[in-house]
Amino acid sequence: MSMLVSDEIIQASGLSEQELLLEIVIMLFQKDKISLGKASELLGIHRMQFQKLLADRGLCVHYDIAEFQEDLKTLQEVGSYSS
């Protein structure tokens, strides 16, 4: 689904289209509506860049046990391929 934001809303916000997108994505991430990976994908940046954007704003990265276990599994799989 695509969403059309009127020029009037963009002008009223005082932000560029990209800045407005960034604000929306950060808000969705903070409300646990999208993951870190999805947020990064929507912005077209690497996960580490998104994490830095959050850190620059003093925002915490949500990282729960399930995500940690998923990362461990991925690292183990990558490690087994490189051996």
C-alpha atoms as a PDB file:
ATOM      1  CA  MET A   1       0.000   0.000   0.000  1.00  0.00           C
ATOM      2  CA  SER A   2       1.241   3.435  -0.835  1.00  0.00           C
ATOM      3  CA  MET A   3       0.397   6.519   1.146  1.00  0.00           C
ATOM      4  CA  LEU A   4       0.082   9.966  -0.345  1.00  0.00           C
ATOM      5  CA  VAL A   5       0.952  12.874   1.933  1.00  0.00           C
ATOM      6  CA  SER A   6      -0.304  16.204   0.699  1.00  0.00           C
ATOM      7  CA  ASP A   7       2.112  19.068   0.063  1.00  0.00           C
ATOM      8  CA  GLU A   8       0.111  21.045   2.636  1.00  0.00           C
ATOM      9  CA  ILE A   9       0.985  18.542   5.383  1.00  0.00           C
ATOM     10  CA  ILE A  10       4.633  18.471   4.349  1.00  0.00           C
ATOM     11  CA  GLN A  11       4.815  22.270   4.317  1.00  0.00           C
ATOM     12  CA  ALA A  12       3.008  22.513   7.672  1.00  0.00           C
ATOM     13  CA  SER A  13       5.511  20.096   9.211  1.00  0.00           C
ATOM     14  CA  GLY A  14       8.456  22.226   8.111  1.00  0.00           C
ATOM     15  CA  LEU A  15      10.228  19.031   7.080  1.00  0.00           C
ATOM     16  CA  SER A  16      11.380  17.684   3.753  1.00  0.00           C
ATOM     17  CA  GLU A  17       9.732  14.505   2.443  1.00  0.00           C
ATOM     18  CA  GLN A  18      12.739  12.447   3.560  1.00  0.00           C
ATOM     19  CA  GLU A  19      12.769  14.047   7.025  1.00  0.00           C
ATOM     20  CA  LEU A  20       9.042  13.379   7.419  1.00  0.00           C
ATOM     21  CA  LEU A  21       9.547   9.754   6.402  1.00  0.00           C
ATOM     22  CA  LEU A  22      12.345   9.473   8.966  1.00  0.00           C
ATOM     23  CA  GLU A  23      10.101  10.862  11.715  1.00  0.00           C
ATOM     24  CA  ILE A  24       7.282   8.467  10.813  1.00  0.00           C
ATOM     25  CA  VAL A  25       9.597   5.455  10.735  1.00  0.00           C
ATOM     26  CA  ILE A  26      11.184   6.381  14.082  1.00  0.00           C
ATOM     27  CA  MET A  27       7.729   6.813  15.649  1.00  0.00           C
ATOM     28  CA  LEU A  28       6.600   3.418  14.351  1.00  0.00           C
ATOM     29  CA  PHE A  29       9.798   1.815  15.644  1.00  0.00           C
ATOM     30  CA  GLN A  30       9.399   3.420  19.079  1.00  0.00           C
ATOM     31  CA  LYS A  31       5.828   2.119  19.297  1.00  0.00           C
ATOM     32  CA  ASP A  32       7.052  -1.405  18.427  1.00  0.00           C
ATOM     33  CA  LYS A  33       5.018  -1.396  15.215  1.00  0.00           C
ATOM     34  CA  ILE A  34       8.048  -2.164  13.024  1.00  0.00           C
ATOM     35  CA  SER A  35      11.355  -3.879  13.671  1.00  0.00           C
ATOM     36  CA  LEU A  36      14.829  -2.409  13.474  1.00  0.00           C
ATOM     37  CA  GLY A  37      15.402  -4.258  10.208  1.00  0.00           C
ATOM     38  CA  LYS A  38      12.125  -3.060   8.690  1.00  0.00           C
ATOM     39  CA  ALA A  39      12.801   0.525   9.776  1.00  0.00           C
ATOM     40  CA  SER A  40      16.225   0.398   8.139  1.00  0.00           C
ATOM     41  CA  GLU A  41      14.744  -1.111   4.989  1.00  0.00           C
ATOM     42  CA  LEU A  42      12.040   1.580   4.732  1.00  0.00           C
ATOM     43  CA  LEU A  43      14.687   4.291   5.021  1.00  0.00           C
ATOM     44  CA  GLY A  44      17.051   2.543   2.611  1.00  0.00           C
ATOM     45  CA  ILE A  45      19.925   2.523   5.101  1.00  0.00           C
ATOM     46  CA  HIS A  46      21.984  -0.100   6.944  1.00  0.00           C
ATOM     47  CA  ARG A  47      20.763  -1.233  10.365  1.00  0.00           C
ATOM     48  CA  MET A  48      23.836   0.269  12.014  1.00  0.00           C
ATOM     49  CA  GLN A  49      23.069   3.664  10.458  1.00  0.00           C
ATOM     50  CA  PHE A  50      19.537   3.513  11.838  1.00  0.00           C
ATOM     51  CA  GLN A  51      20.882   2.552  15.267  1.00  0.00           C
ATOM     52  CA  LYS A  52      23.206   5.564  15.123  1.00  0.00           C
ATOM     53  CA  LEU A  53      20.275   7.838  14.224  1.00  0.00           C
ATOM     54  CA  LEU A  54      18.441   6.534  17.278  1.00  0.00           C
ATOM     55  CA  ALA A  55      21.493   6.962  19.498  1.00  0.00           C
ATOM     56  CA  ASP A  56      22.017  10.524  18.240  1.00  0.00           C
ATOM     57  CA  ARG A  57      18.480  11.261  19.438  1.00  0.00           C
ATOM     58  CA  GLY A  58      19.026   9.530  22.771  1.00  0.00           C
ATOM     59  CA  LEU A  59      16.578   6.765  21.878  1.00  0.00           C
ATOM     60  CA  CYS A  60      17.037   3.156  22.944  1.00  0.00           C
ATOM     61  CA  VAL A  61      17.114   0.274  20.537  1.00  0.00           C
ATOM     62  CA  HIS A  62      14.531  -2.369  21.433  1.00  0.00           C
ATOM     63  CA  TYR A  63      16.387  -5.637  21.633  1.00  0.00           C
ATOM     64  CA  ASP A  64      14.625  -8.497  23.338  1.00  0.00           C
ATOM     65  CA  ILE A  65      15.648 -12.069  24.079  1.00  0.00           C
ATOM     66  CA  ALA A  66      13.976 -13.445  20.944  1.00  0.00           C
ATOM     67  CA  GLU A  67      15.951 -11.032  18.737  1.00  0.00           C
ATOM     68  CA  PHE A  68      19.159 -11.925  20.605  1.00  0.00           C
ATOM     69  CA  GLN A  69      18.530 -15.646  20.085  1.00  0.00           C
ATOM     70  CA  GLU A  70      17.808 -15.025  16.404  1.00  0.00           C
ATOM     71  CA  ASP A  71      21.086 -13.104  16.053  1.00  0.00           C
ATOM     72  CA  LEU A  72      22.987 -15.900  17.806  1.00  0.00           C
ATOM     73  CA  LYS A  73      21.484 -18.463  15.429  1.00  0.00           C
ATOM     74  CA  THR A  74      22.452 -16.324  12.431  1.00  0.00           C
ATOM     75  CA  LEU A  75      26.006 -15.910  13.726  1.00  0.00           C
ATOM     76  CA  GLN A  76      26.311 -19.661  14.283  1.00  0.00           C
ATOM     77  CA  GLU A  77      25.084 -20.347  10.752  1.00  0.00           C
ATOM     78  CA  VAL A  78      27.475 -17.805   9.268  1.00  0.00           C
ATOM     79  CA  GLY A  79      30.307 -19.237  11.355  1.00  0.00           C
ATOM     80  CA  SER A  80      29.623 -22.758  10.113  1.00  0.00           C
ATOM     81  CA  TYR A  81      29.730 -21.572   6.484  1.00  0.00           C
ATOM     82  CA  SER A  82      33.103 -19.890   6.880  1.00  0.00           C
ATOM     83  CA  SER A  83      34.752 -22.923   8.513  1.00  0.00           C
END
